[in-house]
């Protein structure tokens, strides 16, 4: 089964750390990152999709994707 996550964060080093942590846990980049202005907060935000193959598991909408 393939899992999907969209990682988002303000445009700070925290975003890079979030993506790096996911990569270290076996997630793979999916597509290009996105960058946009959050007018409500007045900051730029980043997004990156990641996917991960998880053999032998059934999808459950209650699963915590970050713990996979």
N, C-alpha and C. Protein backbone atom coordinates (compact mmCIF):
# COMPACT_ATOMS: atom_id res chain seq x y z
N UNK A 1 0.85 -1.17 0.00
CA UNK A 1 0.00 0.00 0.00
C UNK A 1 0.90 1.23 0.00
N UNK A 2 0.49 2.24 -0.75
CA UNK A 2 1.24 3.50 -0.79
C UNK A 2 0.50 4.55 0.03
N UNK A 3 1.24 5.19 0.93
CA UNK A 3 0.69 6.27 1.75
C UNK A 3 1.13 7.61 1.17
N UNK A 4 0.33 8.64 1.43
CA UNK A 4 0.58 10.00 0.93
C UNK A 4 0.45 10.98 2.07
N UNK A 5 1.37 11.94 2.11
CA UNK A 5 1.29 13.04 3.08
C UNK A 5 1.66 14.34 2.37
N UNK A 6 1.07 15.43 2.82
CA UNK A 6 1.46 16.75 2.34
C UNK A 6 2.02 17.50 3.54
N UNK A 7 3.32 17.75 3.50
CA UNK A 7 4.00 18.46 4.58
C UNK A 7 3.94 19.95 4.31
N UNK A 8 3.56 20.74 5.30
CA UNK A 8 3.49 22.19 5.14
C UNK A 8 4.12 22.86 6.35
N UNK A 9 4.60 24.06 6.14
CA UNK A 9 5.23 24.80 7.24
C UNK A 9 5.55 26.20 6.73
N UNK A 10 5.70 27.15 7.65
CA UNK A 10 6.21 28.46 7.27
C UNK A 10 7.58 28.29 6.62
N UNK A 11 7.98 29.25 5.80
CA UNK A 11 9.25 29.18 5.09
C UNK A 11 10.40 29.51 6.05
N UNK A 12 10.73 28.52 6.87
CA UNK A 12 11.85 28.61 7.80
C UNK A 12 12.60 27.29 7.74
N UNK A 13 13.65 27.18 8.52
CA UNK A 13 14.38 25.92 8.55
C UNK A 13 13.52 24.79 9.09
N UNK A 14 12.46 25.11 9.82
CA UNK A 14 11.56 24.08 10.35
C UNK A 14 10.96 23.24 9.22
N UNK A 15 10.68 23.87 8.09
CA UNK A 15 10.14 23.12 6.94
C UNK A 15 11.17 22.12 6.44
N UNK A 16 12.42 22.55 6.28
CA UNK A 16 13.48 21.65 5.82
C UNK A 16 13.67 20.50 6.80
N UNK A 17 13.60 20.79 8.09
CA UNK A 17 13.75 19.74 9.09
C UNK A 17 12.59 18.75 9.02
N UNK A 18 11.38 19.24 8.78
CA UNK A 18 10.21 18.37 8.69
C UNK A 18 10.35 17.42 7.49
N UNK A 19 10.76 17.95 6.36
CA UNK A 19 10.95 17.11 5.16
C UNK A 19 12.10 16.14 5.38
N UNK A 20 13.20 16.61 5.95
CA UNK A 20 14.35 15.74 6.21
C UNK A 20 13.99 14.59 7.14
N UNK A 21 13.20 14.87 8.16
CA UNK A 21 12.76 13.82 9.08
C UNK A 21 11.94 12.77 8.34
N UNK A 22 11.01 13.22 7.50
CA UNK A 22 10.19 12.28 6.73
C UNK A 22 11.08 11.41 5.82
N UNK A 23 12.06 12.03 5.16
CA UNK A 23 12.96 11.27 4.29
C UNK A 23 13.76 10.25 5.09
N UNK A 24 14.18 10.62 6.29
CA UNK A 24 14.96 9.69 7.13
C UNK A 24 14.12 8.50 7.59
N UNK A 25 12.79 8.65 7.56
CA UNK A 25 11.88 7.56 7.95
C UNK A 25 11.39 6.77 6.74
N UNK A 26 12.00 7.00 5.57
CA UNK A 26 11.66 6.20 4.40
C UNK A 26 10.64 6.80 3.45
N UNK A 27 10.14 7.99 3.74
CA UNK A 27 9.22 8.66 2.83
C UNK A 27 10.03 9.16 1.64
N UNK A 28 9.39 9.26 0.47
CA UNK A 28 10.05 9.74 -0.74
C UNK A 28 9.33 10.98 -1.26
N UNK A 29 10.10 11.91 -1.81
CA UNK A 29 9.51 13.11 -2.39
C UNK A 29 8.58 12.73 -3.53
N UNK A 30 7.48 13.44 -3.64
CA UNK A 30 6.50 13.21 -4.71
C UNK A 30 6.19 14.56 -5.35
N UNK A 31 6.67 14.77 -6.55
CA UNK A 31 6.43 16.04 -7.23
C UNK A 31 7.32 17.15 -6.70
N UNK A 32 7.04 18.33 -7.17
CA UNK A 32 7.83 19.51 -6.81
C UNK A 32 7.25 20.18 -5.58
N UNK A 33 8.08 20.90 -4.83
CA UNK A 33 7.55 21.66 -3.69
C UNK A 33 6.72 22.84 -4.18
N UNK A 34 5.86 23.32 -3.32
CA UNK A 34 5.03 24.49 -3.62
C UNK A 34 5.37 25.59 -2.62
N UNK A 35 5.16 26.82 -3.03
CA UNK A 35 5.52 27.98 -2.23
C UNK A 35 4.44 29.02 -2.43
N UNK A 36 3.89 29.54 -1.36
CA UNK A 36 2.83 30.54 -1.50
C UNK A 36 2.76 31.47 -0.30
N UNK A 37 2.09 32.59 -0.49
CA UNK A 37 1.94 33.59 0.55
C UNK A 37 0.69 33.33 1.36
N UNK A 38 0.83 33.25 2.68
CA UNK A 38 -0.29 33.09 3.60
C UNK A 38 -0.66 34.50 4.08
N UNK A 39 -1.69 35.07 3.46
CA UNK A 39 -2.08 36.45 3.77
C UNK A 39 -2.56 36.61 5.21
N UNK A 40 -3.18 35.57 5.75
CA UNK A 40 -3.69 35.65 7.12
C UNK A 40 -2.56 35.79 8.13
N UNK A 41 -1.44 35.12 7.88
CA UNK A 41 -0.30 35.17 8.79
C UNK A 41 0.77 36.14 8.33
N UNK A 42 0.69 36.55 7.06
CA UNK A 42 1.68 37.47 6.51
C UNK A 42 3.04 36.83 6.28
N UNK A 43 3.06 35.53 6.00
CA UNK A 43 4.33 34.81 5.79
C UNK A 43 4.24 33.94 4.55
N UNK A 44 5.41 33.58 4.03
CA UNK A 44 5.47 32.60 2.95
C UNK A 44 5.40 31.21 3.56
N UNK A 45 4.73 30.29 2.86
CA UNK A 45 4.59 28.91 3.34
C UNK A 45 5.07 27.96 2.26
N UNK A 46 5.59 26.83 2.68
CA UNK A 46 6.08 25.79 1.77
C UNK A 46 5.24 24.54 1.94
N UNK A 47 5.19 23.74 0.87
CA UNK A 47 4.51 22.44 0.91
C UNK A 47 5.29 21.45 0.07
N UNK A 48 5.34 20.20 0.52
CA UNK A 48 5.99 19.14 -0.23
C UNK A 48 5.22 17.84 0.01
N UNK A 49 4.82 17.20 -1.07
CA UNK A 49 4.16 15.91 -0.97
C UNK A 49 5.22 14.82 -0.84
N UNK A 50 4.92 13.82 -0.02
CA UNK A 50 5.79 12.66 0.14
C UNK A 50 4.92 11.41 0.12
N UNK A 51 5.51 10.29 -0.34
CA UNK A 51 4.81 9.02 -0.36
C UNK A 51 5.71 7.95 0.25
N UNK A 52 5.07 6.85 0.66
CA UNK A 52 5.83 5.74 1.25
C UNK A 52 5.08 4.44 1.00
N UNK A 53 5.80 3.43 0.53
CA UNK A 53 5.24 2.09 0.38
C UNK A 53 5.27 1.40 1.74
N UNK A 54 4.14 0.84 2.14
CA UNK A 54 4.03 0.13 3.40
C UNK A 54 3.44 -1.25 3.10
N UNK A 55 4.29 -2.25 2.94
CA UNK A 55 3.78 -3.58 2.59
C UNK A 55 2.98 -4.22 3.72
N UNK A 56 1.97 -4.96 3.33
CA UNK A 56 1.23 -5.77 4.29
C UNK A 56 0.31 -5.02 5.22
N UNK A 57 0.00 -3.77 4.94
CA UNK A 57 -0.90 -3.02 5.81
C UNK A 57 -2.16 -2.64 5.04
N UNK A 58 -3.25 -2.61 5.75
CA UNK A 58 -4.51 -2.13 5.18
C UNK A 58 -4.66 -0.67 5.57
N UNK A 59 -5.17 0.13 4.65
CA UNK A 59 -5.37 1.54 4.95
C UNK A 59 -6.47 1.71 5.99
N UNK A 60 -6.22 2.58 6.94
CA UNK A 60 -7.19 2.92 7.97
C UNK A 60 -7.14 4.43 8.13
N UNK A 61 -8.24 5.14 7.91
CA UNK A 61 -8.22 6.60 8.00
C UNK A 61 -7.84 7.12 9.39
N UNK A 62 -7.82 6.26 10.40
CA UNK A 62 -7.43 6.65 11.74
C UNK A 62 -5.92 6.57 11.97
N UNK A 63 -5.17 5.96 11.01
CA UNK A 63 -3.73 5.81 11.23
C UNK A 63 -3.03 7.15 11.25
N UNK A 64 -2.01 7.26 12.05
CA UNK A 64 -1.19 8.45 12.12
C UNK A 64 -0.09 8.32 11.07
N UNK A 65 -0.23 9.04 9.97
CA UNK A 65 0.69 8.88 8.85
C UNK A 65 2.12 9.20 9.24
N UNK A 66 2.34 10.18 10.09
CA UNK A 66 3.68 10.54 10.50
C UNK A 66 4.38 9.46 11.31
N UNK A 67 3.62 8.50 11.83
CA UNK A 67 4.21 7.42 12.61
C UNK A 67 4.49 6.18 11.77
N UNK A 68 4.23 6.25 10.50
CA UNK A 68 4.44 5.09 9.62
C UNK A 68 5.87 5.03 9.15
